[in-house]
Amino acid sequence: MSNFFSRHEFECRCGCGFDAMDIELVGALEMVRMHFCRPVVISSGCRCAAHNAKVGGKPSSQHVFGKAADFSVVGVSSKEVQAFLISMCHGKYGIGVYEHFTHLDVRRECARW
């Protein structure tokens, strides 16, 4: 799929096989990997509608469109990852920070949390 990621890493965790990731998202995650020179671990990529509902995701979640990933960078705080993404994304994408992971989606408008 890319230099640093395989399709398997983005598959829906329910086992259904949904793995249609947006290439722009993969490119943004590659940028994160190259900037920090550390592994990026995907905790949630694609979600089928059933799995998304099971984990409490919004029906319109970018995960169900293959346009979002929740991830961590080994040895880097999620706040540091968020700061880097905000500096690079110039008023677009959805970027959220949580205690143990960062959310990134490639929506066209800007969303931050």
C-alpha atoms as a PDB file:
ATOM      1  CA  MET A   1       0.000   0.000   0.000  1.00  0.00           C
ATOM      2  CA  SER A   2       2.827   2.420   0.885  1.00  0.00           C
ATOM      3  CA  ASN A   3       6.406   2.519   2.151  1.00  0.00           C
ATOM      4  CA  PHE A   4       5.350   2.263   5.790  1.00  0.00           C
ATOM      5  CA  PHE A   5       1.827   0.815   5.833  1.00  0.00           C
ATOM      6  CA  SER A   6       0.042  -2.328   4.710  1.00  0.00           C
ATOM      7  CA  ARG A   7      -3.650  -2.626   3.886  1.00  0.00           C
ATOM      8  CA  HIS A   8      -4.030  -5.070   6.773  1.00  0.00           C
ATOM      9  CA  GLU A   9      -3.243  -2.311   9.296  1.00  0.00           C
ATOM     10  CA  PHE A  10      -6.324  -0.374   8.179  1.00  0.00           C
ATOM     11  CA  GLU A  11      -8.813  -3.283   7.983  1.00  0.00           C
ATOM     12  CA  CYS A  12     -12.028  -3.095   9.965  1.00  0.00           C
ATOM     13  CA  ARG A  13     -11.386  -4.767  13.314  1.00  0.00           C
ATOM     14  CA  CYS A  14     -14.589  -6.839  13.120  1.00  0.00           C
ATOM     15  CA  GLY A  15     -13.007  -9.145  10.539  1.00  0.00           C
ATOM     16  CA  CYS A  16     -15.309  -8.239   7.634  1.00  0.00           C
ATOM     17  CA  GLY A  17     -12.338  -7.327   5.413  1.00  0.00           C
ATOM     18  CA  PHE A  18     -13.302  -3.684   4.731  1.00  0.00           C
ATOM     19  CA  ASP A  19      -9.996  -1.944   3.988  1.00  0.00           C
ATOM     20  CA  ALA A  20     -10.663   0.770   1.382  1.00  0.00           C
ATOM     21  CA  MET A  21      -8.361   3.512   2.667  1.00  0.00           C
ATOM     22  CA  ASP A  22      -8.207   6.952   1.101  1.00  0.00           C
ATOM     23  CA  ILE A  23      -4.797   7.522  -0.490  1.00  0.00           C
ATOM     24  CA  GLU A  24      -4.655  11.101   0.835  1.00  0.00           C
ATOM     25  CA  LEU A  25      -4.983   9.772   4.392  1.00  0.00           C
ATOM     26  CA  VAL A  26      -2.211   7.242   3.833  1.00  0.00           C
ATOM     27  CA  GLY A  27      -0.011  10.038   2.472  1.00  0.00           C
ATOM     28  CA  ALA A  28      -0.665  12.191   5.536  1.00  0.00           C
ATOM     29  CA  LEU A  29       0.225   9.287   7.830  1.00  0.00           C
ATOM     30  CA  GLU A  30       3.415   8.712   5.833  1.00  0.00           C
ATOM     31  CA  MET A  31       4.265  12.377   6.445  1.00  0.00           C
ATOM     32  CA  VAL A  32       3.816  11.783  10.204  1.00  0.00           C
ATOM     33  CA  ARG A  33       6.034   8.689  10.051  1.00  0.00           C
ATOM     34  CA  MET A  34       8.791  10.514   8.183  1.00  0.00           C
ATOM     35  CA  HIS A  35       8.669  13.570  10.446  1.00  0.00           C
ATOM     36  CA  PHE A  36       8.994  11.655  13.713  1.00  0.00           C
ATOM     37  CA  CYS A  37      11.162   8.811  12.313  1.00  0.00           C
ATOM     38  CA  ARG A  38       9.213   6.403  14.521  1.00  0.00           C
ATOM     39  CA  PRO A  39       6.619   3.691  13.883  1.00  0.00           C
ATOM     40  CA  VAL A  40       2.993   4.751  13.514  1.00  0.00           C
ATOM     41  CA  VAL A  41       0.574   2.223  15.034  1.00  0.00           C
ATOM     42  CA  ILE A  42      -2.974   2.228  13.633  1.00  0.00           C
ATOM     43  CA  SER A  43      -5.568   1.381  16.291  1.00  0.00           C
ATOM     44  CA  SER A  44      -8.620   2.045  14.107  1.00  0.00           C
ATOM     45  CA  GLY A  45      -8.794   2.626  10.369  1.00  0.00           C
ATOM     46  CA  CYS A  46     -11.724   1.478   8.267  1.00  0.00           C
ATOM     47  CA  ARG A  47     -14.949   0.596  10.029  1.00  0.00           C
ATOM     48  CA  CYS A  48     -17.936  -1.077   8.446  1.00  0.00           C
ATOM     49  CA  ALA A  49     -21.235   0.461   9.556  1.00  0.00           C
ATOM     50  CA  ALA A  50     -21.967  -2.384  11.980  1.00  0.00           C
ATOM     51  CA  HIS A  51     -18.576  -2.187  13.700  1.00  0.00           C
ATOM     52  CA  ASN A  52     -18.729   1.605  13.786  1.00  0.00           C
ATOM     53  CA  ALA A  53     -22.072   1.417  15.599  1.00  0.00           C
ATOM     54  CA  LYS A  54     -20.729  -1.241  17.984  1.00  0.00           C
ATOM     55  CA  VAL A  55     -17.811   0.988  19.045  1.00  0.00           C
ATOM     56  CA  GLY A  56     -20.071   4.027  19.445  1.00  0.00           C
ATOM     57  CA  GLY A  57     -18.994   5.898  16.314  1.00  0.00           C
ATOM     58  CA  LYS A  58     -21.255   8.465  14.691  1.00  0.00           C
ATOM     59  CA  PRO A  59     -23.099   7.123  11.621  1.00  0.00           C
ATOM     60  CA  SER A  60     -21.342   9.784   9.516  1.00  0.00           C
ATOM     61  CA  SER A  61     -17.879   8.945  10.912  1.00  0.00           C
ATOM     62  CA  GLN A  62     -15.075   9.375   8.425  1.00  0.00           C
ATOM     63  CA  HIS A  63     -13.931   5.865   9.417  1.00  0.00           C
ATOM     64  CA  VAL A  64     -16.870   4.329   7.507  1.00  0.00           C
ATOM     65  CA  PHE A  65     -15.663   6.062   4.340  1.00  0.00           C
ATOM     66  CA  GLY A  66     -12.045   4.935   4.738  1.00  0.00           C
ATOM     67  CA  LYS A  67     -11.009   8.542   5.356  1.00  0.00           C
ATOM     68  CA  ALA A  68      -9.943   8.361   9.026  1.00  0.00           C
ATOM     69  CA  ALA A  69      -7.450   6.663  11.292  1.00  0.00           C
ATOM     70  CA  ASP A  70      -6.826   6.642  15.022  1.00  0.00           C
ATOM     71  CA  PHE A  71      -3.135   6.065  15.660  1.00  0.00           C
ATOM     72  CA  SER A  72      -0.190   6.571  17.950  1.00  0.00           C
ATOM     73  CA  VAL A  73       3.441   7.311  17.236  1.00  0.00           C
ATOM     74  CA  VAL A  74       5.773   5.177  19.327  1.00  0.00           C
ATOM     75  CA  GLY A  75       7.436   7.335  21.985  1.00  0.00           C
ATOM     76  CA  VAL A  76       5.648  10.566  21.013  1.00  0.00           C
ATOM     77  CA  SER A  77       2.748  12.173  22.895  1.00  0.00           C
ATOM     78  CA  SER A  78      -0.564  12.573  21.110  1.00  0.00           C
ATOM     79  CA  LYS A  79      -0.416  16.324  21.833  1.00  0.00           C
ATOM     80  CA  GLU A  80       2.918  16.555  20.017  1.00  0.00           C
ATOM     81  CA  VAL A  81       1.499  14.631  17.050  1.00  0.00           C
ATOM     82  CA  GLN A  82      -1.557  16.908  16.990  1.00  0.00           C
ATOM     83  CA  ALA A  83       0.640  20.036  17.025  1.00  0.00           C
ATOM     84  CA  PHE A  84       2.648  18.739  14.071  1.00  0.00           C
ATOM     85  CA  LEU A  85      -0.491  17.875  12.089  1.00  0.00           C
ATOM     86  CA  ILE A  86      -2.071  21.265  12.739  1.00  0.00           C
ATOM     87  CA  SER A  87       1.105  22.996  11.554  1.00  0.00           C
ATOM     88  CA  MET A  88       1.110  20.927   8.354  1.00  0.00           C
ATOM     89  CA  CYS A  89      -2.589  20.748   7.456  1.00  0.00           C
ATOM     90  CA  HIS A  90      -3.260  24.468   7.047  1.00  0.00           C
ATOM     91  CA  GLY A  91      -6.968  24.721   7.848  1.00  0.00           C
ATOM     92  CA  LYS A  92      -8.185  21.380   6.555  1.00  0.00           C
ATOM     93  CA  TYR A  93      -8.764  17.853   7.860  1.00  0.00           C
ATOM     94  CA  GLY A  94     -10.174  16.606  11.133  1.00  0.00           C
ATOM     95  CA  ILE A  95      -7.555  16.358  13.880  1.00  0.00           C
ATOM     96  CA  GLY A  96      -8.425  15.173  17.357  1.00  0.00           C
ATOM     97  CA  VAL A  97      -6.221  14.454  20.334  1.00  0.00           C
ATOM     98  CA  TYR A  98      -6.932  11.854  23.001  1.00  0.00           C
ATOM     99  CA  GLU A  99      -4.821  10.617  25.887  1.00  0.00           C
ATOM    100  CA  HIS A 100      -3.330   7.622  24.062  1.00  0.00           C
ATOM    101  CA  PHE A 101      -3.948   8.324  20.375  1.00  0.00           C
ATOM    102  CA  THR A 102      -4.496  10.937  17.687  1.00  0.00           C
ATOM    103  CA  HIS A 103      -7.388  10.965  15.202  1.00  0.00           C
ATOM    104  CA  LEU A 104      -6.796  12.173  11.654  1.00  0.00           C
ATOM    105  CA  ASP A 105      -9.328  12.330   8.859  1.00  0.00           C
ATOM    106  CA  VAL A 106      -9.103  13.904   5.427  1.00  0.00           C
ATOM    107  CA  ARG A 107     -12.389  15.773   5.310  1.00  0.00           C
ATOM    108  CA  ARG A 108     -12.157  18.966   3.265  1.00  0.00           C
ATOM    109  CA  GLU A 109     -13.151  21.348   6.040  1.00  0.00           C
ATOM    110  CA  CYS A 110     -11.222  22.039   9.230  1.00  0.00           C
ATOM    111  CA  ALA A 111     -12.245  20.344  12.510  1.00  0.00           C
ATOM    112  CA  ARG A 112     -10.195  20.282  15.712  1.00  0.00           C
ATOM    113  CA  TRP A 113     -10.800  18.652  19.092  1.00  0.00           C
END
